[in-house]
PDB file of N, CA and C in Angstrom:
ATOM      1  N   UNK A   1     126.416 184.512  81.986  1.00  0.00           N
ATOM      2  CA  UNK A   1     124.996 184.937  81.985  1.00  0.00           C
ATOM      3  C   UNK A   1     124.212 183.837  82.914  1.00  0.00           C
ATOM      4  N   UNK A   2     124.389 182.665  82.715  1.00  0.00           N
ATOM      5  CA  UNK A   2     123.722 181.667  83.621  1.00  0.00           C
ATOM      6  C   UNK A   2     124.630 181.282  84.636  1.00  0.00           C
ATOM      7  N   UNK A   3     123.963 181.166  85.866  1.00  0.00           N
ATOM      8  CA  UNK A   3     124.649 180.805  87.092  1.00  0.00           C
ATOM      9  C   UNK A   3     124.312 179.344  87.512  1.00  0.00           C
ATOM     10  N   UNK A   4     125.298 178.623  87.975  1.00  0.00           N
ATOM     11  CA  UNK A   4     124.933 177.303  88.423  1.00  0.00           C
ATOM     12  C   UNK A   4     124.170 177.315  89.694  1.00  0.00           C
ATOM     13  N   UNK A   5     123.114 176.511  89.790  1.00  0.00           N
ATOM     14  CA  UNK A   5     122.325 176.437  91.069  1.00  0.00           C
ATOM     15  C   UNK A   5     123.105 175.826  92.129  1.00  0.00           C
ATOM     16  N   UNK A   6     122.849 176.208  93.366  1.00  0.00           N
ATOM     17  CA  UNK A   6     123.578 175.511  94.521  1.00  0.00           C
ATOM     18  C   UNK A   6     123.027 174.029  94.599  1.00  0.00           C
ATOM     19  N   UNK A   7     123.872 173.264  95.277  1.00  0.00           N
ATOM     20  CA  UNK A   7     123.544 171.834  95.567  1.00  0.00           C
ATOM     21  C   UNK A   7     122.367 171.898  96.606  1.00  0.00           C
ATOM     22  N   UNK A   8     121.249 171.087  96.328  1.00  0.00           N
ATOM     23  CA  UNK A   8     120.179 171.076  97.279  1.00  0.00           C
ATOM     24  C   UNK A   8     120.449 169.979  98.338  1.00  0.00           C
ATOM     25  N   UNK A   9     120.055 170.253  99.465  1.00  0.00           N
ATOM     26  CA  UNK A   9     120.263 169.282 100.551  1.00  0.00           C
ATOM     27  C   UNK A   9     119.364 168.020 100.522  1.00  0.00           C
ATOM     28  N   UNK A  10     118.141 168.398  99.895  1.00  0.00           N
ATOM     29  CA  UNK A  10     117.102 167.309  99.812  1.00  0.00           C
ATOM     30  C   UNK A  10     116.653 167.277  98.301  1.00  0.00           C
ATOM     31  N   UNK A  11     117.302 166.437  97.534  1.00  0.00           N
ATOM     32  CA  UNK A  11     116.967 166.397  96.157  1.00  0.00           C
ATOM     33  C   UNK A  11     115.448 165.916  95.807  1.00  0.00           C
ATOM     34  N   UNK A  12     114.958 165.048  96.751  1.00  0.00           N
ATOM     35  CA  UNK A  12     113.605 164.605  96.672  1.00  0.00           C
ATOM     36  C   UNK A  12     112.568 165.754  96.687  1.00  0.00           C
ATOM     37  N   UNK A  13     112.877 166.716  97.729  1.00  0.00           N
ATOM     38  CA  UNK A  13     112.063 167.860  97.925  1.00  0.00           C
ATOM     39  C   UNK A  13     112.024 168.745  96.630  1.00  0.00           C
ATOM     40  N   UNK A  14     113.238 168.966  96.079  1.00  0.00           N
ATOM     41  CA  UNK A  14     113.315 169.718  94.826  1.00  0.00           C
ATOM     42  C   UNK A  14     112.440 168.996  93.679  1.00  0.00           C
ATOM     43  N   UNK A  15     112.581 167.643  93.614  1.00  0.00           N
ATOM     44  CA  UNK A  15     111.768 166.995  92.630  1.00  0.00           C
ATOM     45  C   UNK A  15     110.310 167.259  92.796  1.00  0.00           C
ATOM     46  N   UNK A  16     109.823 167.255  94.010  1.00  0.00           N
ATOM     47  CA  UNK A  16     108.396 167.365  94.341  1.00  0.00           C
ATOM     48  C   UNK A  16     108.069 168.910  94.015  1.00  0.00           C
ATOM     49  N   UNK A  17     108.916 169.796  94.375  1.00  0.00           N
ATOM     50  CA  UNK A  17     108.553 171.185  94.167  1.00  0.00           C
ATOM     51  C   UNK A  17     108.474 171.471  92.625  1.00  0.00           C
ATOM     52  N   UNK A  18     109.228 170.639  91.792  1.00  0.00           N
ATOM     53  CA  UNK A  18     109.191 171.061  90.388  1.00  0.00           C
ATOM     54  C   UNK A  18     108.079 170.096  89.576  1.00  0.00           C
ATOM     55  N   UNK A  19     107.488 169.197  90.328  1.00  0.00           N
ATOM     56  CA  UNK A  19     106.461 168.372  89.749  1.00  0.00           C
ATOM     57  C   UNK A  19     105.073 168.882  89.667  1.00  0.00           C
ATOM     58  N   UNK A  20     104.618 168.957  88.514  1.00  0.00           N
ATOM     59  CA  UNK A  20     103.171 169.584  88.397  1.00  0.00           C
ATOM     60  C   UNK A  20     102.268 168.306  88.514  1.00  0.00           C
ATOM     61  N   UNK A  21     100.992 168.604  88.944  1.00  0.00           N
ATOM     62  CA  UNK A  21      99.919 167.626  89.114  1.00  0.00           C
ATOM     63  C   UNK A  21      99.592 166.871  87.829  1.00  0.00           C
ATOM     64  N   UNK A  22      99.732 167.516  86.715  1.00  0.00           N
ATOM     65  CA  UNK A  22      99.338 166.827  85.426  1.00  0.00           C
ATOM     66  C   UNK A  22     100.400 165.758  85.121  1.00  0.00           C
ATOM     67  N   UNK A  23     101.657 165.805  85.563  1.00  0.00           N
ATOM     68  CA  UNK A  23     102.678 164.872  85.327  1.00  0.00           C
ATOM     69  C   UNK A  23     102.309 163.490  86.001  1.00  0.00           C
ATOM     70  N   UNK A  24     101.496 163.592  87.073  1.00  0.00           N
ATOM     71  CA  UNK A  24     101.147 162.294  87.831  1.00  0.00           C
ATOM     72  C   UNK A  24     100.094 161.504  87.013  1.00  0.00           C
ATOM     73  N   UNK A  25      99.414 161.998  86.080  1.00  0.00           N
ATOM     74  CA  UNK A  25      98.496 161.259  85.335  1.00  0.00           C
ATOM     75  C   UNK A  25      99.110 160.032  84.705  1.00  0.00           C
ATOM     76  N   UNK A  26     100.376 160.140  84.298  1.00  0.00           N
ATOM     77  CA  UNK A  26     101.117 159.037  83.616  1.00  0.00           C
ATOM     78  C   UNK A  26     102.263 158.534  84.627  1.00  0.00           C
ATOM     79  N   UNK A  27     102.464 159.184  85.653  1.00  0.00           N
ATOM     80  CA  UNK A  27     103.620 158.747  86.471  1.00  0.00           C
ATOM     81  C   UNK A  27     103.115 158.656  87.954  1.00  0.00           C
ATOM     82  N   UNK A  28     102.438 157.527  88.332  1.00  0.00           N
ATOM     83  CA  UNK A  28     102.072 157.430  89.673  1.00  0.00           C
ATOM     84  C   UNK A  28     103.153 157.097  90.600  1.00  0.00           C
ATOM     85  N   UNK A  29     103.012 157.297  91.847  1.00  0.00           N
ATOM     86  CA  UNK A  29     103.929 157.050  92.848  1.00  0.00           C
ATOM     87  C   UNK A  29     104.888 158.308  93.147  1.00  0.00           C
ATOM     88  N   UNK A  30     104.601 159.377  92.490  1.00  0.00           N
ATOM     89  CA  UNK A  30     105.352 160.624  92.785  1.00  0.00           C
ATOM     90  C   UNK A  30     104.350 161.583  93.593  1.00  0.00           C
ATOM     91  N   UNK A  31     105.010 162.578  94.014  1.00  0.00           N
ATOM     92  CA  UNK A  31     104.196 163.663  94.689  1.00  0.00           C
ATOM     93  C   UNK A  31     104.175 164.892  93.970  1.00  0.00           C
ATOM     94  N   UNK A  32     103.205 165.646  93.902  1.00  0.00           N
ATOM     95  CA  UNK A  32     103.209 166.896  93.152  1.00  0.00           C
ATOM     96  C   UNK A  32     103.485 168.068  94.088  1.00  0.00           C
ATOM     97  N   UNK A  33     103.537 169.295  93.560  1.00  0.00           N
ATOM     98  CA  UNK A  33     103.940 170.400  94.306  1.00  0.00           C
ATOM     99  C   UNK A  33     102.825 171.232  94.933  1.00  0.00           C
ATOM    100  N   UNK A  34     101.606 170.600  94.961  1.00  0.00           N
ATOM    101  CA  UNK A  34     100.442 171.274  95.569  1.00  0.00           C
ATOM    102  C   UNK A  34     100.587 171.482  96.989  1.00  0.00           C
ATOM    103  N   UNK A  35     100.962 170.542  97.784  1.00  0.00           N
ATOM    104  CA  UNK A  35     101.099 170.723  99.241  1.00  0.00           C
ATOM    105  C   UNK A  35     102.025 171.796  99.580  1.00  0.00           C
ATOM    106  N   UNK A  36     103.233 171.724  98.784  1.00  0.00           N
ATOM    107  CA  UNK A  36     104.229 172.790  99.065  1.00  0.00           C
ATOM    108  C   UNK A  36     103.717 174.176  98.604  1.00  0.00           C
ATOM    109  N   UNK A  37     103.021 174.136  97.602  1.00  0.00           N
ATOM    110  CA  UNK A  37     102.398 175.603  97.115  1.00  0.00           C
ATOM    111  C   UNK A  37     101.498 176.082  98.269  1.00  0.00           C
ATOM    112  N   UNK A  38     100.603 175.141  98.753  1.00  0.00           N
ATOM    113  CA  UNK A  38      99.697 175.600  99.886  1.00  0.00           C
ATOM    114  C   UNK A  38     100.478 176.099 101.080  1.00  0.00           C
ATOM    115  N   UNK A  39     101.568 175.398 101.492  1.00  0.00           N
ATOM    116  CA  UNK A  39     102.383 175.847 102.616  1.00  0.00           C
ATOM    117  C   UNK A  39     103.085 177.221 102.277  1.00  0.00           C
ATOM    118  N   UNK A  40     103.661 177.239 101.161  1.00  0.00           N
ATOM    119  CA  UNK A  40     104.301 178.457 100.718  1.00  0.00           C
ATOM    120  C   UNK A  40     103.350 179.678 100.783  1.00  0.00           C
ATOM    121  N   UNK A  41     102.073 179.485 100.190  1.00  0.00           N
ATOM    122  CA  UNK A  41     101.141 180.631 100.140  1.00  0.00           C
ATOM    123  C   UNK A  41     100.842 181.078 101.558  1.00  0.00           C
ATOM    124  N   UNK A  42     100.619 180.155 102.468  1.00  0.00           N
ATOM    125  CA  UNK A  42     100.241 180.379 103.916  1.00  0.00           C
ATOM    126  C   UNK A  42     101.423 181.174 104.556  1.00  0.00           C
ATOM    127  N   UNK A  43     102.622 180.685 104.361  1.00  0.00           N
ATOM    128  CA  UNK A  43     103.817 181.472 104.951  1.00  0.00           C
ATOM    129  C   UNK A  43     104.047 182.788 104.368  1.00  0.00           C
ATOM    130  N   UNK A  44     103.814 182.973 103.129  1.00  0.00           N
ATOM    131  CA  UNK A  44     103.965 184.269 102.434  1.00  0.00           C
ATOM    132  C   UNK A  44     102.812 185.144 102.934  1.00  0.00           C
ATOM    133  N   UNK A  45     101.592 184.639 103.046  1.00  0.00           N
ATOM    134  CA  UNK A  45     100.468 185.560 103.462  1.00  0.00           C
ATOM    135  C   UNK A  45     100.646 185.948 104.992  1.00  0.00           C
ATOM    136  N   UNK A  46     101.227 185.090 105.746  1.00  0.00           N
ATOM    137  CA  UNK A  46     101.602 185.441 107.158  1.00  0.00           C
ATOM    138  C   UNK A  46     102.590 186.527 107.231  1.00  0.00           C
ATOM    139  N   UNK A  47     103.707 186.478 106.442  1.00  0.00           N
ATOM    140  CA  UNK A  47     104.820 187.472 106.426  1.00  0.00           C
ATOM    141  C   UNK A  47     104.426 188.715 105.908  1.00  0.00           C
ATOM    142  N   UNK A  48     103.524 188.745 104.862  1.00  0.00           N
ATOM    143  CA  UNK A  48     102.993 190.021 104.325  1.00  0.00           C
ATOM    144  C   UNK A  48     102.075 190.600 105.343  1.00  0.00           C
ATOM    145  N   UNK A  49     101.220 189.901 105.906  1.00  0.00           N
ATOM    146  CA  UNK A  49     100.452 190.406 106.976  1.00  0.00           C
ATOM    147  C   UNK A  49     101.171 191.102 108.079  1.00  0.00           C
ATOM    148  N   UNK A  50     102.142 190.369 108.589  1.00  0.00           N
ATOM    149  CA  UNK A  50     102.977 190.907 109.645  1.00  0.00           C
ATOM    150  C   UNK A  50     103.755 192.149 109.311  1.00  0.00           C
ATOM    151  N   UNK A  51     104.183 192.137 108.007  1.00  0.00           N
ATOM    152  CA  UNK A  51     104.884 193.416 107.489  1.00  0.00           C
ATOM    153  C   UNK A  51     103.973 194.560 107.419  1.00  0.00           C
ATOM    154  N   UNK A  52     102.745 194.267 106.891  1.00  0.00           N
ATOM    155  CA  UNK A  52     101.859 195.373 106.764  1.00  0.00           C
ATOM    156  C   UNK A  52     101.348 195.933 108.124  1.00  0.00           C
ATOM    157  N   UNK A  53     101.158 194.915 109.093  1.00  0.00           N
ATOM    158  CA  UNK A  53     100.701 195.340 110.428  1.00  0.00           C
ATOM    159  C   UNK A  53     101.770 196.139 111.139  1.00  0.00           C
ATOM    160  N   UNK A  54     102.985 195.750 111.023  1.00  0.00           N
ATOM    161  CA  UNK A  54     104.077 196.513 111.717  1.00  0.00           C
ATOM    162  C   UNK A  54     104.286 197.827 111.034  1.00  0.00           C
ATOM    163  N   UNK A  55     104.125 197.880 109.833  1.00  0.00           N
ATOM    164  CA  UNK A  55     104.372 199.194 108.952  1.00  0.00           C
ATOM    165  C   UNK A  55     103.150 200.160 109.436  1.00  0.00           C
ATOM    166  N   UNK A  56     102.060 199.633 109.347  1.00  0.00           N
ATOM    167  CA  UNK A  56     100.828 200.711 109.512  1.00  0.00           C
ATOM    168  C   UNK A  56     100.080 200.738 110.754  1.00  0.00           C
ATOM    169  N   UNK A  57     100.461 199.885 111.747  1.00  0.00           N
ATOM    170  CA  UNK A  57      99.728 199.815 113.032  1.00  0.00           C
ATOM    171  C   UNK A  57      99.660 201.245 113.726  1.00  0.00           C
ATOM    172  N   UNK A  58     100.626 201.993 113.748  1.00  0.00           N
ATOM    173  CA  UNK A  58     100.698 203.257 114.437  1.00  0.00           C
ATOM    174  C   UNK A  58      99.953 204.262 113.555  1.00  0.00           C
ATOM    175  N   UNK A  59     100.201 204.198 112.250  1.00  0.00           N
ATOM    176  CA  UNK A  59      99.654 205.271 111.313  1.00  0.00           C
ATOM    177  C   UNK A  59      98.101 205.180 111.341  1.00  0.00           C
ATOM    178  N   UNK A  60      97.595 203.856 111.420  1.00  0.00           N
ATOM    179  CA  UNK A  60      96.147 203.781 111.356  1.00  0.00           C
ATOM    180  C   UNK A  60      95.575 203.377 112.659  1.00  0.00           C
ATOM    181  N   UNK A  61      96.329 203.362 113.826  1.00  0.00           N
ATOM    182  CA  UNK A  61      95.900 202.918 115.104  1.00  0.00           C
ATOM    183  C   UNK A  61      95.249 201.490 114.995  1.00  0.00           C
ATOM    184  N   UNK A  62      95.916 200.628 114.439  1.00  0.00           N
ATOM    185  CA  UNK A  62      95.442 199.190 114.269  1.00  0.00           C
ATOM    186  C   UNK A  62      95.520 198.368 115.474  1.00  0.00           C
ATOM    187  N   UNK A  63      94.521 197.481 115.730  1.00  0.00           N
ATOM    188  CA  UNK A  63      94.571 196.549 116.875  1.00  0.00           C
ATOM    189  C   UNK A  63      94.614 195.197 116.096  1.00  0.00           C
ATOM    190  N   UNK A  64      95.305 194.198 116.645  1.00  0.00           N
ATOM    191  CA  UNK A  64      95.322 192.870 115.937  1.00  0.00           C
ATOM    192  C   UNK A  64      93.956 192.326 115.697  1.00  0.00           C
ATOM    193  N   UNK A  65      92.912 192.529 116.516  1.00  0.00           N
ATOM    194  CA  UNK A  65      91.594 192.047 116.325  1.00  0.00           C
ATOM    195  C   UNK A  65      90.880 192.633 115.140  1.00  0.00           C
ATOM    196  N   UNK A  66      91.375 193.810 114.766  1.00  0.00           N
ATOM    197  CA  UNK A  66      90.682 194.549 113.602  1.00  0.00           C
ATOM    198  C   UNK A  66      91.198 193.986 112.253  1.00  0.00           C
ATOM    199  N   UNK A  67      92.179 193.154 112.275  1.00  0.00           N
ATOM    200  CA  UNK A  67      92.658 192.654 110.990  1.00  0.00           C
ATOM    201  C   UNK A  67      92.056 191.420 110.562  1.00  0.00           C
ATOM    202  N   UNK A  68      91.113 190.878 111.531  1.00  0.00           N
ATOM    203  CA  UNK A  68      90.486 189.536 110.972  1.00  0.00           C
ATOM    204  C   UNK A  68      89.118 189.764 110.454  1.00  0.00           C
TER     205      UNK A  68
END
């Protein structure tokens, strides 16, 4: 039922991704996941926008400038 996770190429990046900001209150010197979350949200937003634009541009006669 449980699968073993693959080996991560960058264990420090994994550690950062799993570290919540509240953990840093008692553990200074670490990095939290907020910058990775921001970057991930931006990439996801771009990909969803691109997907929607490609899917509906002809159906609704969309122009790139109309999406801003």
